[in-house]
N, C-alpha and C. Protein backbone atom coordinates (compact mmCIF):
# COMPACT_ATOMS: atom_id res chain seq x y z
N MET A 1 15.97 13.85 0.67
CA MET A 1 14.60 13.09 0.03
C MET A 1 14.87 12.11 -0.60
N ARG A 2 13.87 11.01 -0.34
CA ARG A 2 14.14 9.77 -0.91
C ARG A 2 13.55 9.82 -2.34
N PRO A 3 14.22 9.17 -3.34
CA PRO A 3 13.70 9.12 -4.75
C PRO A 3 12.35 8.57 -4.73
N GLU A 4 11.68 9.04 -5.79
CA GLU A 4 10.29 8.64 -5.88
C GLU A 4 10.08 8.33 -7.27
N LEU A 5 8.92 7.47 -7.70
CA LEU A 5 8.23 7.32 -9.03
C LEU A 5 6.81 7.37 -8.84
N ARG A 6 6.27 7.86 -9.80
CA ARG A 6 4.72 7.91 -9.75
C ARG A 6 4.03 7.32 -11.00
N CYS A 7 2.97 6.47 -10.59
CA CYS A 7 2.30 5.61 -11.63
C CYS A 7 0.87 5.52 -11.38
N ALA A 8 0.18 5.24 -12.49
CA ALA A 8 -1.40 5.28 -12.68
C ALA A 8 -1.91 4.34 -11.50
N ILE A 9 -3.33 4.58 -11.39
CA ILE A 9 -4.03 3.68 -10.43
C ILE A 9 -5.47 3.75 -10.80
N GLU A 10 -6.13 2.58 -10.36
CA GLU A 10 -7.71 2.59 -10.54
C GLU A 10 -8.45 2.53 -9.12
N TRP A 11 -9.67 2.37 -9.25
CA TRP A 11 -10.39 2.04 -8.16
C TRP A 11 -11.38 1.19 -8.65
N ARG A 12 -11.92 0.01 -8.02
CA ARG A 12 -13.08 -0.94 -8.35
C ARG A 12 -13.89 -1.03 -7.01
N GLN A 13 -15.04 -1.40 -7.26
CA GLN A 13 -15.94 -1.92 -6.17
C GLN A 13 -15.42 -3.27 -5.51
N ASP A 14 -15.28 -3.44 -4.35
CA ASP A 14 -14.98 -4.59 -3.70
C ASP A 14 -16.11 -5.56 -3.79
N GLU A 15 -16.05 -6.75 -4.69
CA GLU A 15 -17.22 -7.65 -4.58
C GLU A 15 -17.63 -8.15 -3.34
N SER A 16 -16.86 -8.15 -2.20
CA SER A 16 -17.10 -8.69 -1.00
C SER A 16 -17.94 -7.82 -0.16
N ARG A 17 -17.87 -6.56 -0.50
CA ARG A 17 -18.66 -5.34 0.04
C ARG A 17 -18.09 -5.16 1.54
N GLN A 18 -16.84 -5.53 1.91
CA GLN A 18 -16.35 -5.43 3.28
C GLN A 18 -15.20 -4.55 3.22
N SER A 19 -15.20 -3.72 2.03
CA SER A 19 -14.02 -2.67 1.89
C SER A 19 -14.68 -1.51 0.92
N PRO A 20 -14.12 -0.36 1.25
CA PRO A 20 -14.55 0.72 0.30
C PRO A 20 -14.34 0.81 -1.10
N GLY A 21 -13.46 -0.18 -1.43
CA GLY A 21 -13.09 -0.57 -2.90
C GLY A 21 -11.74 -1.18 -3.16
N ARG A 22 -11.48 -1.62 -4.26
CA ARG A 22 -10.45 -2.18 -4.68
C ARG A 22 -9.57 -1.42 -5.36
N LEU A 23 -8.14 -1.28 -4.87
CA LEU A 23 -7.24 -0.38 -5.57
C LEU A 23 -6.41 -1.28 -6.48
N THR A 24 -6.27 -0.83 -7.60
CA THR A 24 -5.42 -1.44 -8.44
C THR A 24 -4.69 -0.69 -9.38
N GLY A 25 -3.42 -1.03 -9.65
CA GLY A 25 -2.71 0.09 -10.27
C GLY A 25 -1.17 -0.59 -10.58
N THR A 26 -0.45 0.02 -11.45
CA THR A 26 0.93 -0.40 -11.62
C THR A 26 1.95 0.56 -10.73
N LEU A 27 2.67 -0.07 -10.00
CA LEU A 27 3.60 0.80 -9.20
C LEU A 27 4.72 1.26 -10.21
N LEU A 28 5.25 0.38 -11.15
CA LEU A 28 6.25 0.58 -11.95
C LEU A 28 6.21 -0.55 -13.02
N THR A 29 6.63 -0.16 -14.21
CA THR A 29 6.91 -1.01 -15.41
C THR A 29 8.19 -1.03 -15.75
N TYR A 30 8.89 -2.28 -15.59
CA TYR A 30 10.30 -2.49 -15.71
C TYR A 30 10.65 -2.01 -17.34
N GLU A 31 11.86 -1.44 -17.49
CA GLU A 31 12.24 -0.88 -18.68
C GLU A 31 11.62 0.19 -19.46
N LYS A 32 10.64 0.76 -18.50
CA LYS A 32 9.83 1.89 -19.30
C LYS A 32 10.32 3.19 -18.62
N ARG A 33 10.76 4.16 -19.41
CA ARG A 33 11.25 5.53 -18.95
C ARG A 33 10.31 6.35 -18.25
N ALA A 34 10.67 7.04 -17.10
CA ALA A 34 9.81 7.79 -16.59
C ALA A 34 9.48 9.09 -17.50
N THR A 35 8.38 9.45 -17.37
CA THR A 35 7.87 10.71 -18.36
C THR A 35 8.37 12.03 -17.74
N ASP A 36 8.97 11.99 -16.48
CA ASP A 36 9.41 13.41 -16.03
C ASP A 36 11.02 13.59 -15.60
N ARG A 37 11.76 12.51 -16.06
CA ARG A 37 13.14 12.39 -15.84
C ARG A 37 13.71 11.27 -16.65
N PRO A 38 15.02 11.45 -16.86
CA PRO A 38 15.64 10.31 -17.61
C PRO A 38 16.07 9.16 -16.70
N GLU A 39 15.27 8.35 -16.41
CA GLU A 39 15.35 7.18 -15.51
C GLU A 39 14.38 5.98 -15.93
N ARG A 40 14.92 4.64 -15.68
CA ARG A 40 14.18 3.66 -15.84
C ARG A 40 14.70 2.51 -14.96
N PHE A 41 13.91 1.48 -14.70
CA PHE A 41 14.28 0.45 -13.85
C PHE A 41 14.59 -0.79 -14.69
N ALA A 42 15.83 -1.57 -14.56
CA ALA A 42 15.92 -2.81 -15.35
C ALA A 42 14.81 -3.82 -14.93
N ALA A 43 14.42 -4.87 -15.59
CA ALA A 43 13.66 -5.79 -15.30
C ALA A 43 14.21 -6.63 -14.15
N GLY A 44 13.24 -6.78 -13.24
CA GLY A 44 13.65 -7.51 -11.90
C GLY A 44 14.29 -6.69 -10.92
N ALA A 45 14.60 -5.49 -11.03
CA ALA A 45 15.38 -4.57 -10.21
C ALA A 45 14.88 -4.49 -8.67
N LEU A 46 13.50 -4.53 -8.46
CA LEU A 46 13.01 -4.05 -7.16
C LEU A 46 12.86 -5.30 -6.51
N HIS A 47 13.11 -5.27 -5.03
CA HIS A 47 12.90 -6.29 -4.32
C HIS A 47 12.18 -5.58 -2.90
N TRP A 48 11.59 -6.37 -2.06
CA TRP A 48 10.87 -5.79 -0.99
C TRP A 48 10.70 -6.67 0.09
N PRO A 49 10.57 -6.36 1.50
CA PRO A 49 10.34 -7.38 2.50
C PRO A 49 9.13 -8.25 2.15
N ASN A 50 9.25 -9.49 2.76
CA ASN A 50 8.19 -10.47 2.70
C ASN A 50 6.84 -10.03 3.20
N ASP A 51 6.87 -9.27 4.27
CA ASP A 51 5.68 -8.80 4.71
C ASP A 51 5.04 -7.51 4.16
N GLY A 52 5.71 -7.11 3.04
CA GLY A 52 5.22 -5.94 2.29
C GLY A 52 5.76 -4.76 2.61
N ILE A 53 4.96 -3.67 2.02
CA ILE A 53 5.41 -2.17 2.01
C ILE A 53 4.00 -1.44 2.61
N ILE A 54 4.39 -0.30 3.32
CA ILE A 54 3.33 0.45 3.52
C ILE A 54 2.90 1.35 2.41
N LEU A 55 1.52 1.42 2.18
CA LEU A 55 1.05 2.58 1.17
C LEU A 55 0.39 3.65 2.16
N ASN A 56 1.07 5.10 1.71
CA ASN A 56 0.60 6.01 2.38
C ASN A 56 -0.06 7.18 1.57
N LEU A 57 -0.41 8.19 2.04
CA LEU A 57 -1.04 9.21 1.14
C LEU A 57 -0.12 10.35 1.06
N SER A 58 0.32 10.67 -0.20
CA SER A 58 1.17 11.59 -0.64
C SER A 58 2.64 11.77 -0.01
N HIS A 59 3.17 10.49 0.25
CA HIS A 59 4.57 10.48 0.84
C HIS A 59 4.59 10.97 2.41
N ASP A 60 3.38 10.92 2.93
CA ASP A 60 3.44 11.21 4.28
C ASP A 60 3.33 10.02 5.21
N ARG A 61 4.42 9.74 5.85
CA ARG A 61 4.52 8.40 6.63
C ARG A 61 3.65 8.45 7.77
N LYS A 62 2.96 9.57 8.08
CA LYS A 62 2.26 9.83 9.15
C LYS A 62 0.72 9.55 8.66
N GLN A 63 0.58 9.16 7.49
CA GLN A 63 -0.83 8.83 7.00
C GLN A 63 -0.87 7.50 6.21
N PRO A 64 -0.52 6.34 7.01
CA PRO A 64 -0.51 5.14 6.45
C PRO A 64 -1.95 4.60 6.04
N VAL A 65 -1.95 3.79 4.95
CA VAL A 65 -3.28 3.45 4.71
C VAL A 65 -3.44 1.94 4.93
N MET A 66 -2.37 1.32 4.65
CA MET A 66 -2.40 -0.20 4.70
C MET A 66 -0.71 -0.79 4.44
N ARG A 67 -0.77 -1.99 4.70
CA ARG A 67 0.55 -2.80 4.27
C ARG A 67 0.01 -3.75 3.22
N PHE A 68 0.79 -3.97 2.24
CA PHE A 68 0.36 -4.92 1.24
C PHE A 68 1.78 -5.27 0.70
N ALA A 69 1.66 -6.39 -0.06
CA ALA A 69 2.80 -7.11 -0.90
C ALA A 69 2.42 -6.88 -2.33
N PRO A 70 3.32 -6.14 -3.11
CA PRO A 70 3.02 -5.99 -4.54
C PRO A 70 3.22 -7.30 -5.26
N GLU A 71 2.76 -7.39 -6.42
CA GLU A 71 2.82 -8.55 -7.33
C GLU A 71 3.60 -8.15 -8.63
N VAL A 72 4.26 -9.06 -9.14
CA VAL A 72 4.95 -8.90 -10.42
C VAL A 72 4.10 -9.56 -11.40
N ARG A 73 3.60 -8.89 -12.40
CA ARG A 73 2.81 -9.44 -13.63
C ARG A 73 3.55 -9.07 -14.86
N GLY A 74 4.11 -9.96 -15.48
CA GLY A 74 4.90 -9.53 -16.69
C GLY A 74 6.11 -8.56 -16.34
N MET A 75 5.95 -7.50 -17.00
CA MET A 75 6.98 -6.38 -16.71
C MET A 75 6.58 -5.36 -15.74
N GLY A 76 5.25 -5.75 -15.14
CA GLY A 76 4.73 -4.64 -14.16
C GLY A 76 4.73 -5.07 -12.85
N VAL A 77 5.10 -4.04 -11.88
CA VAL A 77 4.93 -4.26 -10.46
C VAL A 77 3.65 -3.62 -9.96
N ILE A 78 2.63 -4.55 -9.56
CA ILE A 78 1.16 -4.25 -9.46
C ILE A 78 0.75 -4.35 -8.01
N VAL A 79 -0.12 -3.26 -7.87
CA VAL A 79 -0.98 -3.25 -6.53
C VAL A 79 -2.28 -3.71 -6.92
N ASP A 80 -3.07 -4.77 -6.12
CA ASP A 80 -4.31 -5.24 -6.43
C ASP A 80 -4.96 -5.72 -5.24
N VAL A 81 -5.36 -4.57 -4.46
CA VAL A 81 -5.60 -5.14 -3.01
C VAL A 81 -7.08 -4.21 -2.84
N ALA A 82 -7.77 -4.85 -1.72
CA ALA A 82 -8.96 -4.27 -1.07
C ALA A 82 -8.51 -3.16 -0.11
N LEU A 83 -9.03 -2.02 -0.29
CA LEU A 83 -8.61 -1.10 0.77
C LEU A 83 -9.30 -1.41 2.23
N PRO A 84 -8.67 -1.05 3.23
CA PRO A 84 -9.37 -1.40 4.48
C PRO A 84 -10.48 -0.41 4.69
N ASP A 85 -11.36 -0.96 5.57
CA ASP A 85 -12.54 -0.19 6.11
C ASP A 85 -12.37 0.70 7.21
N THR A 86 -11.40 1.77 6.91
CA THR A 86 -10.80 2.69 7.99
C THR A 86 -11.22 3.91 7.43
N SER A 87 -10.92 4.94 8.32
CA SER A 87 -11.16 6.31 7.76
C SER A 87 -10.17 6.70 6.62
N ARG A 88 -8.87 6.19 6.72
CA ARG A 88 -7.95 6.49 5.80
C ARG A 88 -8.32 5.67 4.36
N GLY A 89 -8.57 4.34 4.63
CA GLY A 89 -9.07 3.49 3.46
C GLY A 89 -10.16 4.17 2.74
N ARG A 90 -11.29 4.70 3.53
CA ARG A 90 -12.27 5.33 2.63
C ARG A 90 -12.03 6.62 2.17
N ASP A 91 -11.01 7.33 2.89
CA ASP A 91 -10.67 8.66 2.28
C ASP A 91 -9.99 8.40 1.11
N ALA A 92 -9.02 7.50 1.01
CA ALA A 92 -8.09 6.95 -0.27
C ALA A 92 -9.05 6.72 -1.30
N ALA A 93 -10.21 5.85 -1.20
CA ALA A 93 -11.17 5.61 -2.32
C ALA A 93 -11.76 6.57 -2.60
N THR A 94 -12.28 7.59 -1.77
CA THR A 94 -13.07 8.80 -2.31
C THR A 94 -11.93 9.61 -3.04
N MET A 95 -10.68 9.59 -2.74
CA MET A 95 -10.04 10.68 -3.42
C MET A 95 -9.60 10.13 -4.86
N VAL A 96 -9.35 8.79 -4.86
CA VAL A 96 -9.07 8.26 -6.14
C VAL A 96 -10.39 8.40 -7.10
N LYS A 97 -11.46 8.10 -6.57
CA LYS A 97 -12.63 7.96 -7.26
C LYS A 97 -13.14 9.50 -7.83
N ASP A 98 -12.71 10.42 -6.95
CA ASP A 98 -12.98 11.91 -7.58
C ASP A 98 -11.83 12.52 -8.42
N GLY A 99 -10.77 11.75 -8.34
CA GLY A 99 -9.54 12.16 -9.25
C GLY A 99 -8.51 13.02 -8.69
N THR A 100 -8.86 13.26 -7.20
CA THR A 100 -7.82 13.93 -6.62
C THR A 100 -6.44 13.26 -6.52
N LEU A 101 -6.46 12.03 -6.16
CA LEU A 101 -5.22 11.17 -6.34
C LEU A 101 -5.41 10.18 -7.65
N ARG A 102 -4.55 10.50 -8.45
CA ARG A 102 -4.44 9.85 -9.74
C ARG A 102 -3.43 8.81 -10.18
N GLY A 103 -2.45 8.64 -8.92
CA GLY A 103 -1.28 7.70 -9.33
C GLY A 103 -0.67 7.18 -8.17
N LEU A 104 0.32 6.35 -8.44
CA LEU A 104 1.06 5.77 -7.50
C LEU A 104 2.46 6.33 -7.60
N SER A 105 3.16 6.19 -6.44
CA SER A 105 4.57 6.61 -6.49
C SER A 105 5.44 5.72 -5.43
N VAL A 106 6.37 5.14 -6.06
CA VAL A 106 6.95 4.15 -5.10
C VAL A 106 8.38 4.98 -4.53
N GLU A 107 8.56 4.58 -3.15
CA GLU A 107 9.85 5.00 -2.67
C GLU A 107 10.73 3.84 -2.55
N PHE A 108 12.08 4.26 -2.75
CA PHE A 108 13.03 3.15 -2.97
C PHE A 108 14.30 3.60 -2.72
N VAL A 109 15.42 2.76 -2.32
CA VAL A 109 16.86 3.01 -2.01
C VAL A 109 17.51 2.28 -3.12
N ALA A 110 18.25 3.03 -4.11
CA ALA A 110 18.88 2.44 -5.15
C ALA A 110 19.98 1.73 -4.63
N GLU A 111 20.30 0.50 -4.93
CA GLU A 111 21.69 -0.29 -4.49
C GLU A 111 22.44 -0.38 -5.51
N ARG A 112 22.12 -0.47 -6.77
CA ARG A 112 23.12 -0.59 -8.02
C ARG A 112 22.44 0.28 -9.05
N GLU A 113 23.22 1.03 -9.67
CA GLU A 113 22.51 1.89 -11.07
C GLU A 113 23.78 2.13 -12.00
N ASP A 114 23.36 2.46 -13.09
CA ASP A 114 24.33 2.82 -14.12
C ASP A 114 23.67 3.96 -15.00
N ARG A 115 24.51 4.67 -15.74
CA ARG A 115 24.18 5.65 -16.58
C ARG A 115 24.41 5.08 -18.03
N VAL A 116 23.34 5.18 -18.73
CA VAL A 116 23.46 4.62 -20.23
C VAL A 116 22.93 5.78 -21.11
N ALA A 117 23.81 6.35 -21.75
CA ALA A 117 23.52 7.39 -22.61
C ALA A 117 22.66 8.58 -21.83
N GLY A 118 23.11 9.18 -20.82
CA GLY A 118 22.35 9.97 -20.05
C GLY A 118 21.22 9.52 -19.34
N LEU A 119 20.89 8.27 -19.28
CA LEU A 119 19.75 7.68 -18.92
C LEU A 119 20.08 6.83 -17.55
N ARG A 120 19.55 7.23 -16.36
CA ARG A 120 19.74 6.57 -15.12
C ARG A 120 19.11 5.14 -15.13
N GLU A 121 19.77 4.19 -15.12
CA GLU A 121 19.25 2.69 -15.00
C GLU A 121 19.58 2.18 -13.82
N VAL A 122 18.36 1.88 -13.06
CA VAL A 122 18.41 1.25 -11.66
C VAL A 122 18.43 -0.18 -11.84
N ARG A 123 19.56 -0.75 -11.56
CA ARG A 123 19.65 -2.28 -11.65
C ARG A 123 19.06 -2.99 -10.55
N ARG A 124 19.24 -2.53 -9.35
CA ARG A 124 18.67 -3.15 -8.16
C ARG A 124 18.28 -2.11 -7.26
N ALA A 125 17.28 -2.21 -6.56
CA ALA A 125 16.66 -1.32 -5.62
C ALA A 125 15.71 -2.00 -4.49
N ARG A 126 15.85 -1.42 -3.31
CA ARG A 126 14.97 -1.91 -2.21
C ARG A 126 13.58 -1.07 -2.23
N LEU A 127 12.69 -1.51 -2.39
CA LEU A 127 11.24 -0.89 -2.37
C LEU A 127 11.06 -0.64 -0.95
N THR A 128 10.76 0.60 -0.38
CA THR A 128 10.57 0.94 1.00
C THR A 128 9.30 1.34 1.20
N GLY A 129 8.44 1.66 0.31
CA GLY A 129 6.86 2.09 0.41
C GLY A 129 6.53 2.73 -0.83
N ALA A 130 5.15 2.93 -0.67
CA ALA A 130 4.35 3.52 -2.05
C ALA A 130 3.46 4.24 -1.43
N ALA A 131 3.13 5.50 -2.28
CA ALA A 131 1.99 6.32 -1.87
C ALA A 131 1.09 6.76 -2.99
N LEU A 132 -0.20 7.07 -2.66
CA LEU A 132 -0.98 7.62 -3.54
C LEU A 132 -0.80 9.00 -3.76
N VAL A 133 -0.81 9.33 -5.03
CA VAL A 133 -0.27 10.80 -5.34
C VAL A 133 -1.16 11.44 -6.40
N ASP A 134 -1.03 12.73 -6.78
CA ASP A 134 -1.94 13.54 -7.60
C ASP A 134 -1.48 13.21 -9.05
N ASP A 135 -0.22 12.76 -9.22
CA ASP A 135 0.14 12.46 -10.72
C ASP A 135 1.21 11.33 -10.86
N ALA A 136 1.26 10.75 -11.91
CA ALA A 136 2.23 9.59 -11.97
C ALA A 136 3.33 9.86 -12.92
N SER A 137 4.56 9.47 -12.50
CA SER A 137 5.73 9.48 -13.53
C SER A 137 5.76 8.43 -14.44
N TYR A 138 5.34 7.04 -13.85
CA TYR A 138 5.30 6.04 -14.67
C TYR A 138 3.92 5.49 -14.62
N GLY A 139 3.37 4.93 -15.60
CA GLY A 139 2.00 4.29 -15.78
C GLY A 139 1.09 4.81 -16.88
N ASN A 140 0.03 4.47 -16.79
CA ASN A 140 -0.99 4.91 -17.92
C ASN A 140 -2.12 5.59 -17.38
N ALA A 141 -3.14 5.97 -18.13
CA ALA A 141 -4.30 6.65 -17.72
C ALA A 141 -5.08 5.90 -16.60
N VAL A 142 -5.83 6.77 -15.66
CA VAL A 142 -6.49 6.11 -14.72
C VAL A 142 -7.96 6.19 -14.79
N GLU A 143 -8.78 5.15 -14.54
CA GLU A 143 -10.21 5.33 -14.61
C GLU A 143 -10.86 4.48 -13.46
N VAL A 144 -11.84 5.12 -12.82
CA VAL A 144 -12.61 4.46 -11.92
C VAL A 144 -13.70 3.69 -12.44
N ARG A 145 -13.79 2.47 -12.09
CA ARG A 145 -14.73 1.66 -13.01
C ARG A 145 -15.51 0.66 -12.08
N GLN A 146 -16.74 0.25 -12.45
CA GLN A 146 -17.42 -0.96 -11.78
C GLN A 146 -16.87 -2.26 -12.45
N ARG A 147 -17.36 -3.25 -12.09
CA ARG A 147 -16.91 -4.71 -12.64
C ARG A 147 -17.04 -4.77 -14.18
N ASP A 148 -18.20 -4.06 -14.61
CA ASP A 148 -18.65 -4.34 -16.06
C ASP A 148 -17.80 -3.55 -16.94
N GLY A 149 -16.95 -2.65 -16.53
CA GLY A 149 -16.02 -1.98 -17.31
C GLY A 149 -14.67 -2.46 -17.45
N ASP A 150 -14.51 -3.90 -16.94
CA ASP A 150 -13.16 -4.54 -17.04
C ASP A 150 -12.82 -4.53 -18.52
N ALA A 151 -13.41 -4.95 -19.60
CA ALA A 151 -13.05 -5.23 -20.91
C ALA A 151 -12.63 -3.93 -21.57
N LEU A 152 -13.37 -2.89 -21.32
CA LEU A 152 -13.01 -1.54 -21.93
C LEU A 152 -11.61 -0.92 -21.30
N LEU A 153 -11.48 -1.27 -20.02
CA LEU A 153 -10.19 -0.55 -19.40
C LEU A 153 -9.11 -1.51 -19.91
N GLN A 154 -9.34 -2.67 -19.85
CA GLN A 154 -8.13 -3.70 -20.45
C GLN A 154 -7.83 -3.36 -21.89
N TRP A 155 -8.78 -3.12 -22.63
CA TRP A 155 -8.44 -2.47 -23.98
C TRP A 155 -7.74 -1.14 -24.05
N LEU A 156 -8.11 -0.30 -23.26
CA LEU A 156 -7.50 1.06 -23.15
C LEU A 156 -6.20 1.04 -22.72
N LEU A 157 -5.65 0.21 -21.69
CA LEU A 157 -4.56 0.16 -21.03
C LEU A 157 -3.54 -0.78 -21.67
N GLY A 158 -4.26 -1.85 -22.57
CA GLY A 158 -3.34 -2.81 -23.12
C GLY A 158 -2.90 -3.86 -22.22
N GLY A 159 -3.54 -3.90 -21.02
CA GLY A 159 -2.93 -4.90 -19.98
C GLY A 159 -3.65 -6.10 -19.50
N ASP A 160 -3.39 -6.92 -18.84
CA ASP A 160 -4.05 -8.03 -18.51
C ASP A 160 -4.55 -7.81 -17.13
N TRP A 161 -5.84 -8.08 -16.62
CA TRP A 161 -6.19 -7.87 -15.25
C TRP A 161 -6.91 -9.10 -14.87
């Protein structure tokens, strides 16, 4: 089984109206310890292919939603993409909005790691995929919001959007 990390997500209306919504969330925050295991990723540890990675549903590679390239913002590895107007894209938007899927989980291959006082510290890893999942190991609370909720969510999460 591939190692995985779970992180929070949110759903926003797509202002272009050509998508079932905008998926925004943190795949991973560098230097932050997982809530369910003694593990963290060193700053800059992740790398991925130039053409991005596949987002799937619940780590089922037979249920791809889309390919995307994550962004690094500060210490966070971020997803901020319009979901495709496909049956899986619409299903993903519905499941995030209704709270069925509340987080993101990364799939990775550790290339270099250390143990520091019982804590696994991943120093370098290849990001091989991401999944929408029911719970997050890394990340903050998730909220579905419309555009006018931006300031409230930014305050709640303490992040920049």
